[in-house]
Amino acid sequence: MTDHCCKIGRTIATYDLGERAIEDGFDEELAARWVGDHGFPETATRPLTDWFNTELLKSVYDSHNRKAIDVHIQSEYDALQSDDAVTRGEIIDDLADDGIDGTELTTDFATRSTMYRHLTQCLGANKSKQRSNSDWESDKIEYARDTMRTNIEDVLQSLDRKGELPNGADATVRTQIILQCHVDGCSTQTRLSRARTRGFICRAHSDVA
């Protein structure tokens, strides 16, 4: 049995994604796309994850002789990722007609958190925090949110199985990062995303050290 660095490493090997790489290897291309090297524009973790998953989808389609142009592949990928069970079920049934197990396929899709971990821990890729056009902060935030969401979903599934929280496993988990003003006695709170947009956490104390 071959050991793989992580879920993404296993997926690359299982689906022979290396054959689709423009660079010397699929991992090398992932890292190059992420940091903006070898002629690739710098890509944030979220769109890179979507690119990886659509490449996986294309590979599966090719191996099952399922013909689809890029725009259809993107549409079907969006359907597989949809929160709408009916929409997702329709495309899974359609894939089954071509001998593709859509449910199994979606379990092999990468998430932003697994992609970030693969890039930084498995591949040792690093975006310079000094580069003005780098959005590494957003990548770190998304990684933290995805990790939190995954842990909470695991807890909900366990509570559901124990009967302590019926239907908990079916709940949609939404994570928000709330910041509170650093001044003692000030109760002002705001979402991190809003604070970044406005450039301050608390208007009244934005200049207080």
N, C-alpha and C. Protein backbone atom coordinates (compact mmCIF):
# COMPACT_ATOMS: atom_id res chain seq x y z
N MET A 1 0.85 -1.20 0.00
CA MET A 1 0.00 0.00 0.00
C MET A 1 0.88 1.24 0.00
N THR A 2 0.63 2.15 -0.89
CA THR A 2 1.44 3.36 -1.01
C THR A 2 0.95 4.42 -0.04
N ASP A 3 1.91 5.04 0.67
CA ASP A 3 1.56 6.11 1.59
C ASP A 3 1.48 7.42 0.82
N HIS A 4 0.51 8.23 1.16
CA HIS A 4 0.36 9.54 0.53
C HIS A 4 0.42 10.59 1.62
N CYS A 5 0.83 11.78 1.24
CA CYS A 5 1.03 12.84 2.22
C CYS A 5 -0.27 13.25 2.89
N CYS A 6 -1.38 13.21 2.15
CA CYS A 6 -2.66 13.65 2.69
C CYS A 6 -3.76 13.25 1.70
N LYS A 7 -4.97 13.70 1.96
CA LYS A 7 -6.10 13.37 1.09
C LYS A 7 -5.85 13.82 -0.34
N ILE A 8 -5.31 15.02 -0.51
CA ILE A 8 -5.08 15.53 -1.87
C ILE A 8 -4.01 14.72 -2.58
N GLY A 9 -2.96 14.35 -1.86
CA GLY A 9 -1.93 13.51 -2.46
C GLY A 9 -2.50 12.18 -2.92
N ARG A 10 -3.39 11.61 -2.11
CA ARG A 10 -4.03 10.34 -2.48
C ARG A 10 -4.92 10.52 -3.71
N THR A 11 -5.66 11.62 -3.74
CA THR A 11 -6.55 11.88 -4.87
C THR A 11 -5.77 12.05 -6.17
N ILE A 12 -4.65 12.78 -6.10
CA ILE A 12 -3.82 12.98 -7.29
C ILE A 12 -3.35 11.64 -7.84
N ALA A 13 -2.94 10.74 -6.94
CA ALA A 13 -2.45 9.43 -7.37
C ALA A 13 -3.59 8.54 -7.86
N THR A 14 -4.70 8.53 -7.14
CA THR A 14 -5.83 7.66 -7.48
C THR A 14 -6.39 7.97 -8.86
N TYR A 15 -6.48 9.25 -9.19
CA TYR A 15 -7.08 9.66 -10.45
C TYR A 15 -6.05 10.03 -11.52
N ASP A 16 -4.78 9.71 -11.25
CA ASP A 16 -3.71 9.99 -12.23
C ASP A 16 -3.74 11.43 -12.72
N LEU A 17 -3.90 12.35 -11.80
CA LEU A 17 -3.98 13.76 -12.19
C LEU A 17 -2.64 14.29 -12.68
N GLY A 18 -1.56 13.58 -12.36
CA GLY A 18 -0.25 14.01 -12.84
C GLY A 18 -0.18 14.11 -14.35
N GLU A 19 -0.99 13.31 -15.03
CA GLU A 19 -1.00 13.34 -16.50
C GLU A 19 -1.60 14.63 -17.04
N ARG A 20 -2.32 15.36 -16.19
CA ARG A 20 -2.97 16.58 -16.65
C ARG A 20 -2.11 17.82 -16.37
N ALA A 21 -0.97 17.62 -15.73
CA ALA A 21 -0.15 18.76 -15.33
C ALA A 21 0.57 19.39 -16.51
N ILE A 22 0.60 20.72 -16.51
CA ILE A 22 1.38 21.45 -17.50
C ILE A 22 2.83 21.50 -17.06
N GLU A 23 3.04 21.62 -15.74
CA GLU A 23 4.39 21.67 -15.18
C GLU A 23 4.94 20.25 -15.07
N ASP A 24 6.08 20.11 -14.35
CA ASP A 24 6.74 18.82 -14.21
C ASP A 24 5.90 17.82 -13.43
N GLY A 25 5.00 18.28 -12.60
CA GLY A 25 4.14 17.41 -11.83
C GLY A 25 2.94 18.19 -11.35
N PHE A 26 1.90 17.48 -10.93
CA PHE A 26 0.68 18.17 -10.53
C PHE A 26 0.90 18.99 -9.26
N ASP A 27 1.66 18.44 -8.31
CA ASP A 27 1.96 19.20 -7.10
C ASP A 27 2.74 20.47 -7.42
N GLU A 28 3.70 20.34 -8.34
CA GLU A 28 4.50 21.50 -8.72
C GLU A 28 3.61 22.59 -9.34
N GLU A 29 2.63 22.14 -10.14
CA GLU A 29 1.73 23.12 -10.76
C GLU A 29 0.82 23.76 -9.72
N LEU A 30 0.35 22.98 -8.76
CA LEU A 30 -0.48 23.54 -7.69
C LEU A 30 0.27 24.64 -6.96
N ALA A 31 1.51 24.34 -6.57
CA ALA A 31 2.31 25.32 -5.83
C ALA A 31 2.58 26.56 -6.68
N ALA A 32 2.89 26.34 -7.96
CA ALA A 32 3.19 27.47 -8.86
C ALA A 32 1.97 28.36 -9.04
N ARG A 33 0.81 27.75 -9.19
CA ARG A 33 -0.42 28.55 -9.34
C ARG A 33 -0.72 29.33 -8.06
N TRP A 34 -0.45 28.74 -6.93
CA TRP A 34 -0.78 29.39 -5.65
C TRP A 34 0.10 30.61 -5.40
N VAL A 35 1.41 30.45 -5.63
CA VAL A 35 2.33 31.56 -5.33
C VAL A 35 2.53 32.50 -6.51
N GLY A 36 2.04 32.10 -7.69
CA GLY A 36 2.22 32.95 -8.86
C GLY A 36 3.59 32.81 -9.47
N ASP A 37 4.01 31.57 -9.71
CA ASP A 37 5.34 31.29 -10.26
C ASP A 37 5.19 30.61 -11.62
N HIS A 38 6.30 30.51 -12.35
CA HIS A 38 6.34 29.81 -13.64
C HIS A 38 5.31 30.36 -14.63
N GLY A 39 5.06 31.64 -14.58
CA GLY A 39 4.15 32.25 -15.54
C GLY A 39 2.68 32.20 -15.15
N PHE A 40 2.35 31.55 -14.04
CA PHE A 40 0.96 31.50 -13.59
C PHE A 40 0.64 32.73 -12.74
N PRO A 41 -0.54 33.30 -12.88
CA PRO A 41 -0.94 34.39 -11.98
C PRO A 41 -1.18 33.83 -10.58
N GLU A 42 -0.89 34.62 -9.58
CA GLU A 42 -1.10 34.17 -8.21
C GLU A 42 -2.58 33.89 -7.97
N THR A 43 -2.86 32.72 -7.40
CA THR A 43 -4.24 32.28 -7.21
C THR A 43 -4.51 32.03 -5.73
N ALA A 44 -5.60 32.56 -5.22
CA ALA A 44 -5.98 32.33 -3.83
C ALA A 44 -6.44 30.89 -3.64
N THR A 45 -6.51 30.47 -2.39
CA THR A 45 -6.81 29.07 -2.10
C THR A 45 -8.18 28.63 -2.61
N ARG A 46 -9.18 29.50 -2.47
CA ARG A 46 -10.54 29.10 -2.88
C ARG A 46 -10.62 28.79 -4.38
N PRO A 47 -10.22 29.71 -5.28
CA PRO A 47 -10.29 29.38 -6.71
C PRO A 47 -9.35 28.25 -7.10
N LEU A 48 -8.23 28.11 -6.39
CA LEU A 48 -7.32 27.01 -6.69
C LEU A 48 -7.97 25.67 -6.33
N THR A 49 -8.70 25.65 -5.23
CA THR A 49 -9.42 24.43 -4.84
C THR A 49 -10.48 24.08 -5.88
N ASP A 50 -11.20 25.07 -6.35
CA ASP A 50 -12.20 24.83 -7.39
C ASP A 50 -11.53 24.33 -8.68
N TRP A 51 -10.39 24.89 -9.03
CA TRP A 51 -9.66 24.44 -10.22
C TRP A 51 -9.25 22.97 -10.06
N PHE A 52 -8.73 22.62 -8.89
CA PHE A 52 -8.32 21.24 -8.62
C PHE A 52 -9.51 20.30 -8.78
N ASN A 53 -10.64 20.66 -8.20
CA ASN A 53 -11.81 19.79 -8.25
C ASN A 53 -12.36 19.64 -9.67
N THR A 54 -12.31 20.71 -10.46
CA THR A 54 -12.79 20.59 -11.84
C THR A 54 -11.83 19.76 -12.69
N GLU A 55 -10.53 19.83 -12.38
CA GLU A 55 -9.57 18.96 -13.07
C GLU A 55 -9.84 17.50 -12.72
N LEU A 56 -10.19 17.25 -11.47
CA LEU A 56 -10.56 15.90 -11.05
C LEU A 56 -11.80 15.44 -11.81
N LEU A 57 -12.77 16.33 -11.93
CA LEU A 57 -14.00 16.01 -12.64
C LEU A 57 -13.70 15.69 -14.11
N LYS A 58 -12.85 16.50 -14.74
CA LYS A 58 -12.49 16.26 -16.14
C LYS A 58 -11.81 14.91 -16.31
N SER A 59 -10.95 14.55 -15.36
CA SER A 59 -10.25 13.27 -15.43
C SER A 59 -11.23 12.10 -15.36
N VAL A 60 -12.20 12.21 -14.46
CA VAL A 60 -13.20 11.15 -14.32
C VAL A 60 -14.07 11.08 -15.58
N TYR A 61 -14.45 12.22 -16.11
CA TYR A 61 -15.25 12.24 -17.33
C TYR A 61 -14.49 11.58 -18.48
N ASP A 62 -13.21 11.90 -18.61
CA ASP A 62 -12.41 11.32 -19.69
C ASP A 62 -12.34 9.80 -19.57
N SER A 63 -12.15 9.32 -18.35
CA SER A 63 -12.00 7.87 -18.15
C SER A 63 -13.31 7.12 -18.38
N HIS A 64 -14.43 7.82 -18.33
CA HIS A 64 -15.74 7.19 -18.56
C HIS A 64 -16.36 7.63 -19.89
N ASN A 65 -15.55 8.29 -20.71
CA ASN A 65 -16.01 8.75 -22.03
C ASN A 65 -17.25 9.63 -21.95
N ARG A 66 -17.32 10.41 -20.89
CA ARG A 66 -18.43 11.36 -20.75
C ARG A 66 -17.97 12.69 -21.36
N LYS A 67 -18.63 13.10 -22.41
CA LYS A 67 -18.22 14.30 -23.12
C LYS A 67 -18.90 15.53 -22.51
N ALA A 68 -18.11 16.55 -22.30
CA ALA A 68 -18.66 17.80 -21.77
C ALA A 68 -17.66 18.92 -22.01
N ILE A 69 -18.16 20.05 -22.47
CA ILE A 69 -17.28 21.20 -22.65
C ILE A 69 -17.09 21.88 -21.29
N ASP A 70 -16.09 22.76 -21.23
CA ASP A 70 -15.72 23.36 -19.95
C ASP A 70 -16.90 24.02 -19.24
N VAL A 71 -17.74 24.71 -19.99
CA VAL A 71 -18.85 25.42 -19.35
C VAL A 71 -19.83 24.44 -18.72
N HIS A 72 -20.02 23.27 -19.34
CA HIS A 72 -20.90 22.26 -18.76
C HIS A 72 -20.26 21.62 -17.54
N ILE A 73 -18.96 21.40 -17.60
CA ILE A 73 -18.25 20.83 -16.46
C ILE A 73 -18.36 21.76 -15.26
N GLN A 74 -18.19 23.06 -15.50
CA GLN A 74 -18.31 24.02 -14.41
C GLN A 74 -19.72 24.02 -13.83
N SER A 75 -20.72 23.94 -14.70
CA SER A 75 -22.10 23.92 -14.24
C SER A 75 -22.39 22.67 -13.42
N GLU A 76 -21.88 21.53 -13.86
CA GLU A 76 -22.12 20.28 -13.14
C GLU A 76 -21.34 20.24 -11.83
N TYR A 77 -20.16 20.84 -11.83
CA TYR A 77 -19.39 20.95 -10.59
C TYR A 77 -20.15 21.79 -9.57
N ASP A 78 -20.69 22.91 -10.02
CA ASP A 78 -21.48 23.77 -9.13
C ASP A 78 -22.69 23.01 -8.58
N ALA A 79 -23.31 22.18 -9.42
CA ALA A 79 -24.46 21.40 -8.97
C ALA A 79 -24.06 20.38 -7.91
N LEU A 80 -22.90 19.75 -8.11
CA LEU A 80 -22.42 18.77 -7.14
C LEU A 80 -22.07 19.42 -5.80
N GLN A 81 -21.72 20.70 -5.84
CA GLN A 81 -21.37 21.43 -4.63
C GLN A 81 -22.57 22.15 -4.02
N SER A 82 -23.72 22.05 -4.67
CA SER A 82 -24.90 22.80 -4.25
C SER A 82 -25.44 22.30 -2.90
N ASP A 83 -26.00 23.24 -2.13
CA ASP A 83 -26.68 22.88 -0.89
C ASP A 83 -28.08 22.34 -1.16
N ASP A 84 -28.54 22.50 -2.40
CA ASP A 84 -29.86 22.02 -2.80
C ASP A 84 -29.78 20.52 -3.10
N ALA A 85 -30.40 19.72 -2.25
CA ALA A 85 -30.33 18.27 -2.39
C ALA A 85 -30.92 17.79 -3.71
N VAL A 86 -31.96 18.47 -4.19
CA VAL A 86 -32.60 18.07 -5.45
C VAL A 86 -31.64 18.31 -6.61
N THR A 87 -31.04 19.49 -6.66
CA THR A 87 -30.09 19.81 -7.72
C THR A 87 -28.91 18.84 -7.71
N ARG A 88 -28.39 18.58 -6.52
CA ARG A 88 -27.26 17.67 -6.39
C ARG A 88 -27.65 16.25 -6.78
N GLY A 89 -28.85 15.83 -6.37
CA GLY A 89 -29.31 14.48 -6.69
C GLY A 89 -29.50 14.27 -8.18
N GLU A 90 -29.96 15.29 -8.88
CA GLU A 90 -30.19 15.16 -10.32
C GLU A 90 -28.89 14.92 -11.07
N ILE A 91 -27.84 15.64 -10.73
CA ILE A 91 -26.57 15.45 -11.43
C ILE A 91 -25.92 14.14 -11.03
N ILE A 92 -26.10 13.71 -9.78
CA ILE A 92 -25.57 12.41 -9.35
C ILE A 92 -26.24 11.28 -10.12
N ASP A 93 -27.55 11.38 -10.32
CA ASP A 93 -28.28 10.37 -11.10
C ASP A 93 -27.81 10.38 -12.56
N ASP A 94 -27.57 11.57 -13.09
CA ASP A 94 -27.11 11.68 -14.48
C ASP A 94 -25.72 11.08 -14.64
N LEU A 95 -24.86 11.31 -13.66
CA LEU A 95 -23.51 10.73 -13.71
C LEU A 95 -23.57 9.21 -13.64
N ALA A 96 -24.52 8.70 -12.87
CA ALA A 96 -24.65 7.24 -12.72
C ALA A 96 -24.95 6.58 -14.06
N ASP A 97 -25.64 7.28 -14.95
CA ASP A 97 -25.94 6.73 -16.28
C ASP A 97 -24.66 6.47 -17.07
N ASP A 98 -23.58 7.18 -16.74
CA ASP A 98 -22.30 6.97 -17.40
C ASP A 98 -21.34 6.15 -16.55
N GLY A 99 -21.89 5.52 -15.51
CA GLY A 99 -21.07 4.65 -14.67
C GLY A 99 -20.21 5.38 -13.66
N ILE A 100 -20.55 6.62 -13.36
CA ILE A 100 -19.78 7.42 -12.42
C ILE A 100 -20.52 7.52 -11.09
N ASP A 101 -19.83 7.18 -10.02
CA ASP A 101 -20.41 7.28 -8.68
C ASP A 101 -20.21 8.72 -8.20
N GLY A 102 -21.23 9.54 -8.37
CA GLY A 102 -21.12 10.95 -8.02
C GLY A 102 -20.92 11.19 -6.54
N THR A 103 -21.54 10.36 -5.71
CA THR A 103 -21.39 10.52 -4.27
C THR A 103 -19.96 10.28 -3.84
N GLU A 104 -19.36 9.21 -4.36
CA GLU A 104 -17.96 8.92 -4.04
C GLU A 104 -17.05 10.01 -4.58
N LEU A 105 -17.38 10.50 -5.77
CA LEU A 105 -16.56 11.54 -6.39
C LEU A 105 -16.52 12.79 -5.52
N THR A 106 -17.67 13.19 -5.01
CA THR A 106 -17.71 14.42 -4.20
C THR A 106 -16.93 14.27 -2.90
N THR A 107 -16.83 13.05 -2.38
CA THR A 107 -16.05 12.87 -1.16
C THR A 107 -14.56 13.06 -1.42
N ASP A 108 -14.16 12.93 -2.68
CA ASP A 108 -12.75 13.13 -3.03
C ASP A 108 -12.45 14.58 -3.41
N PHE A 109 -13.48 15.42 -3.48
CA PHE A 109 -13.23 16.83 -3.74
C PHE A 109 -12.42 17.43 -2.59
N ALA A 110 -11.54 18.34 -2.92
CA ALA A 110 -10.75 19.04 -1.91
C ALA A 110 -11.56 20.18 -1.31
N THR A 111 -11.26 20.54 -0.08
CA THR A 111 -11.81 21.73 0.54
C THR A 111 -10.69 22.76 0.63
N ARG A 112 -11.05 24.00 0.93
CA ARG A 112 -10.02 25.03 1.05
C ARG A 112 -9.03 24.70 2.15
N SER A 113 -9.53 24.14 3.25
CA SER A 113 -8.63 23.83 4.36
C SER A 113 -7.66 22.72 4.01
N THR A 114 -8.14 21.66 3.33
CA THR A 114 -7.22 20.58 2.94
C THR A 114 -6.24 21.06 1.89
N MET A 115 -6.68 21.95 1.00
CA MET A 115 -5.78 22.50 -0.01
C MET A 115 -4.69 23.34 0.64
N TYR A 116 -5.08 24.21 1.55
CA TYR A 116 -4.10 25.06 2.23
C TYR A 116 -3.09 24.21 3.00
N ARG A 117 -3.56 23.19 3.68
CA ARG A 117 -2.68 22.31 4.44
C ARG A 117 -1.73 21.56 3.51
N HIS A 118 -2.24 21.11 2.36
CA HIS A 118 -1.40 20.39 1.40
C HIS A 118 -0.31 21.31 0.86
N LEU A 119 -0.68 22.53 0.52
CA LEU A 119 0.28 23.48 -0.04
C LEU A 119 1.37 23.84 0.96
N THR A 120 0.97 24.14 2.19
CA THR A 120 1.93 24.65 3.17
C THR A 120 2.68 23.55 3.91
N GLN A 121 1.99 22.46 4.24
CA GLN A 121 2.63 21.42 5.04
C GLN A 121 3.24 20.31 4.19
N CYS A 122 2.51 19.86 3.18
CA CYS A 122 3.03 18.77 2.34
C CYS A 122 4.04 19.27 1.31
N LEU A 123 3.75 20.40 0.69
CA LEU A 123 4.61 20.91 -0.38
C LEU A 123 5.58 21.97 0.10
N GLY A 124 5.35 22.51 1.29
CA GLY A 124 6.25 23.54 1.81
C GLY A 124 6.18 24.85 1.05
N ALA A 125 5.07 25.07 0.34
CA ALA A 125 4.92 26.32 -0.41
C ALA A 125 4.66 27.47 0.55
N ASN A 126 5.09 28.65 0.17
CA ASN A 126 4.95 29.80 1.05
C ASN A 126 4.74 31.06 0.24
N LYS A 127 3.72 31.82 0.61
CA LYS A 127 3.51 33.12 -0.01
C LYS A 127 4.17 34.17 0.87
N SER A 128 5.02 34.98 0.27
CA SER A 128 5.70 36.02 1.03
C SER A 128 4.68 36.99 1.60
N LYS A 129 4.74 37.18 2.90
CA LYS A 129 3.80 38.08 3.56
C LYS A 129 4.12 39.54 3.26
N GLN A 130 5.27 39.77 2.63
CA GLN A 130 5.64 41.14 2.30
C GLN A 130 5.11 41.57 0.94
N ARG A 131 4.62 40.62 0.12
CA ARG A 131 4.15 40.98 -1.21
C ARG A 131 2.83 41.70 -1.11
N SER A 132 2.77 42.90 -1.69
CA SER A 132 1.57 43.72 -1.56
C SER A 132 0.36 43.10 -2.23
N ASN A 133 0.58 42.27 -3.25
CA ASN A 133 -0.55 41.70 -3.96
C ASN A 133 -0.95 40.33 -3.42
N SER A 134 -0.32 39.91 -2.32
CA SER A 134 -0.63 38.61 -1.74
C SER A 134 -1.84 38.73 -0.82
N ASP A 135 -2.70 37.75 -0.84
CA ASP A 135 -3.88 37.74 0.03
C ASP A 135 -3.79 36.57 0.98
N TRP A 136 -2.58 36.36 1.55
CA TRP A 136 -2.37 35.21 2.43
C TRP A 136 -3.25 35.30 3.68
N GLU A 137 -3.60 36.54 4.09
CA GLU A 137 -4.44 36.68 5.27
C GLU A 137 -5.81 36.03 5.06
N SER A 138 -6.39 36.24 3.89
CA SER A 138 -7.69 35.64 3.59
C SER A 138 -7.60 34.12 3.56
N ASP A 139 -6.48 33.61 3.03
CA ASP A 139 -6.28 32.16 3.00
C ASP A 139 -6.25 31.60 4.41
N LYS A 140 -5.55 32.28 5.32
CA LYS A 140 -5.46 31.81 6.70
C LYS A 140 -6.83 31.86 7.38
N ILE A 141 -7.58 32.91 7.11
CA ILE A 141 -8.92 33.04 7.69
C ILE A 141 -9.82 31.91 7.20
N GLU A 142 -9.80 31.66 5.89
CA GLU A 142 -10.64 30.60 5.32
C GLU A 142 -10.24 29.24 5.89
N TYR A 143 -8.94 29.03 6.08
CA TYR A 143 -8.45 27.77 6.65
C TYR A 143 -9.01 27.59 8.06
N ALA A 144 -8.94 28.65 8.87
CA ALA A 144 -9.43 28.58 10.24
C ALA A 144 -10.94 28.32 10.27
N ARG A 145 -11.68 29.02 9.41
CA ARG A 145 -13.13 28.84 9.37
C ARG A 145 -13.51 27.44 8.92
N ASP A 146 -12.83 26.91 7.91
CA ASP A 146 -13.14 25.57 7.42
C ASP A 146 -12.83 24.52 8.48
N THR A 147 -11.71 24.71 9.19
CA THR A 147 -11.34 23.77 10.24
C THR A 147 -12.38 23.78 11.35
N MET A 148 -12.80 24.98 11.75
CA MET A 148 -13.83 25.11 12.79
C MET A 148 -15.13 24.45 12.34
N ARG A 149 -15.52 24.71 11.09
CA ARG A 149 -16.77 24.16 10.57
C ARG A 149 -16.72 22.63 10.55
N THR A 150 -15.59 22.07 10.12
CA THR A 150 -15.45 20.61 10.07
C THR A 150 -15.55 20.01 11.46
N ASN A 151 -14.90 20.61 12.45
CA ASN A 151 -14.94 20.10 13.81
C ASN A 151 -16.36 20.16 14.38
N ILE A 152 -17.06 21.25 14.12
CA ILE A 152 -18.43 21.38 14.62
C ILE A 152 -19.35 20.36 13.95
N GLU A 153 -19.17 20.14 12.65
CA GLU A 153 -19.99 19.15 11.94
C GLU A 153 -19.75 17.75 12.50
N ASP A 154 -18.50 17.43 12.87
CA ASP A 154 -18.21 16.14 13.49
C ASP A 154 -18.95 15.99 14.81
N VAL A 155 -18.96 17.06 15.61
CA VAL A 155 -19.65 17.03 16.89
C VAL A 155 -21.16 16.86 16.69
N LEU A 156 -21.72 17.58 15.73
CA LEU A 156 -23.16 17.48 15.46
C LEU A 156 -23.56 16.08 15.03
N GLN A 157 -22.73 15.45 14.19
CA GLN A 157 -23.02 14.09 13.76
C GLN A 157 -23.00 13.13 14.94
N SER A 158 -22.05 13.32 15.85
CA SER A 158 -21.97 12.47 17.04
C SER A 158 -23.18 12.67 17.94
N LEU A 159 -23.56 13.91 18.18
CA LEU A 159 -24.73 14.19 19.02
C LEU A 159 -26.01 13.66 18.39
N ASP A 160 -26.08 13.71 17.06
CA ASP A 160 -27.24 13.19 16.35
C ASP A 160 -27.34 11.68 16.54
N ARG A 161 -26.20 10.99 16.38
CA ARG A 161 -26.19 9.53 16.54
C ARG A 161 -26.59 9.11 17.95
N LYS A 162 -26.19 9.91 18.93
CA LYS A 162 -26.50 9.59 20.33
C LYS A 162 -27.94 9.96 20.69
N GLY A 163 -28.62 10.64 19.81
CA GLY A 163 -29.98 11.07 20.09
C GLY A 163 -30.07 12.30 20.96
N GLU A 164 -28.93 12.95 21.22
CA GLU A 164 -28.92 14.14 22.06
C GLU A 164 -29.31 15.39 21.28
N LEU A 165 -29.16 15.35 19.96
CA LEU A 165 -29.53 16.49 19.13
C LEU A 165 -30.06 15.97 17.79
N PRO A 166 -31.33 15.55 17.77
CA PRO A 166 -31.91 15.00 16.54
C PRO A 166 -31.78 15.96 15.37
N ASN A 167 -31.41 15.41 14.22
CA ASN A 167 -31.23 16.18 12.97
C ASN A 167 -30.06 17.16 13.03
N GLY A 168 -29.25 17.05 14.06
CA GLY A 168 -28.09 17.93 14.15
C GLY A 168 -27.14 17.77 12.99
N ALA A 169 -27.01 16.54 12.49
CA ALA A 169 -26.09 16.28 11.38
C ALA A 169 -26.54 16.95 10.10
N ASP A 170 -27.83 17.29 10.01
CA ASP A 170 -28.36 17.93 8.80
C ASP A 170 -28.30 19.45 8.86
N ALA A 171 -27.88 19.98 9.99
CA ALA A 171 -27.84 21.43 10.15
C ALA A 171 -26.73 22.05 9.31
N THR A 172 -26.96 23.27 8.86
CA THR A 172 -25.93 24.02 8.14
C THR A 172 -25.14 24.84 9.14
N VAL A 173 -23.84 24.63 9.17
CA VAL A 173 -22.97 25.33 10.11
C VAL A 173 -22.42 26.59 9.45
N ARG A 174 -22.64 27.71 10.07
CA ARG A 174 -22.11 28.98 9.57
C ARG A 174 -21.17 29.55 10.63
N THR A 175 -19.98 29.91 10.20
CA THR A 175 -18.98 30.42 11.14
C THR A 175 -18.71 31.89 10.86
N GLN A 176 -18.66 32.67 11.92
CA GLN A 176 -18.32 34.08 11.83
C GLN A 176 -17.23 34.39 12.84
N ILE A 177 -16.34 35.27 12.48
CA ILE A 177 -15.29 35.70 13.40
C ILE A 177 -15.65 37.11 13.87
N ILE A 178 -15.89 37.23 15.17
CA ILE A 178 -16.32 38.50 15.75
C ILE A 178 -15.17 39.12 16.53
N LEU A 179 -14.91 40.39 16.27
CA LEU A 179 -13.86 41.13 16.97
C LEU A 179 -14.50 42.12 17.94
N GLN A 180 -13.88 42.26 19.12
CA GLN A 180 -14.37 43.24 20.09
C GLN A 180 -13.32 44.31 20.29
N CYS A 181 -13.78 45.52 20.51
CA CYS A 181 -12.89 46.66 20.72
C CYS A 181 -11.88 46.36 21.82
N HIS A 182 -10.64 46.80 21.62
CA HIS A 182 -9.56 46.52 22.56
C HIS A 182 -9.60 47.40 23.81
N VAL A 183 -10.46 48.40 23.82
CA VAL A 183 -10.55 49.32 24.96
C VAL A 183 -11.45 48.73 26.04
N ASP A 184 -10.92 48.63 27.27
CA ASP A 184 -11.71 48.10 28.38
C ASP A 184 -12.98 48.91 28.58
N GLY A 185 -14.09 48.21 28.75
CA GLY A 185 -15.35 48.88 28.99
C GLY A 185 -16.14 49.18 27.74
N CYS A 186 -15.52 49.04 26.56
CA CYS A 186 -16.23 49.27 25.31
C CYS A 186 -16.80 47.95 24.81
N SER A 187 -18.08 47.93 24.56
CA SER A 187 -18.75 46.68 24.16
C SER A 187 -18.90 46.54 22.65
N THR A 188 -18.31 47.44 21.88
CA THR A 188 -18.46 47.40 20.42
C THR A 188 -17.87 46.11 19.84
N GLN A 189 -18.66 45.44 19.02
CA GLN A 189 -18.23 44.23 18.33
C GLN A 189 -18.53 44.37 16.85
N THR A 190 -17.76 43.70 16.03
CA THR A 190 -18.01 43.71 14.58
C THR A 190 -17.41 42.47 13.95
N ARG A 191 -17.95 42.09 12.81
CA ARG A 191 -17.40 40.95 12.08
C ARG A 191 -16.04 41.32 11.50
N LEU A 192 -15.16 40.34 11.43
CA LEU A 192 -13.82 40.58 10.88
C LEU A 192 -13.90 41.10 9.45
N SER A 193 -14.78 40.52 8.64
CA SER A 193 -14.89 40.94 7.24
C SER A 193 -15.27 42.41 7.14
N ARG A 194 -16.17 42.85 8.02
CA ARG A 194 -16.60 44.25 7.99
C ARG A 194 -15.48 45.16 8.48
N ALA A 195 -14.76 44.71 9.51
CA ALA A 195 -13.66 45.52 10.04
C ALA A 195 -12.58 45.73 8.97
N ARG A 196 -12.30 44.69 8.19
CA ARG A 196 -11.30 44.82 7.13
C ARG A 196 -11.76 45.81 6.07
N THR A 197 -13.05 45.75 5.75
CA THR A 197 -13.59 46.66 4.74
C THR A 197 -13.54 48.12 5.21
N ARG A 198 -13.91 48.34 6.47
CA ARG A 198 -13.97 49.70 6.99
C ARG A 198 -12.60 50.22 7.42
N GLY A 199 -11.71 49.30 7.80
CA GLY A 199 -10.38 49.72 8.25
C GLY A 199 -10.30 49.99 9.74
N PHE A 200 -11.31 49.60 10.48
CA PHE A 200 -11.27 49.76 11.94
C PHE A 200 -12.29 48.82 12.57
N ILE A 201 -12.07 48.53 13.86
CA ILE A 201 -12.99 47.68 14.62
C ILE A 201 -14.05 48.54 15.30
N CYS A 202 -13.58 49.60 15.96
CA CYS A 202 -14.48 50.51 16.68
C CYS A 202 -14.17 51.93 16.23
N ARG A 203 -15.16 52.60 15.68
CA ARG A 203 -14.93 53.95 15.16
C ARG A 203 -14.47 54.90 16.28
N ALA A 204 -15.08 54.76 17.46
CA ALA A 204 -14.76 55.68 18.55
C ALA A 204 -13.34 55.53 19.06
N HIS A 205 -12.79 54.31 18.95
CA HIS A 205 -11.47 54.06 19.51
C HIS A 205 -10.47 53.60 18.45
N SER A 206 -10.71 53.95 17.20
CA SER A 206 -9.83 53.48 16.13
C SER A 206 -8.42 54.04 16.23
N ASP A 207 -8.24 55.17 16.94
CA ASP A 207 -6.92 55.77 17.08
C ASP A 207 -6.34 55.62 18.47
N VAL A 208 -7.01 54.83 19.32
CA VAL A 208 -6.54 54.66 20.69
C VAL A 208 -5.57 53.50 20.75
N ALA A 209 -4.37 53.75 21.25
CA ALA A 209 -3.34 52.70 21.34
C ALA A 209 -3.56 51.85 22.58
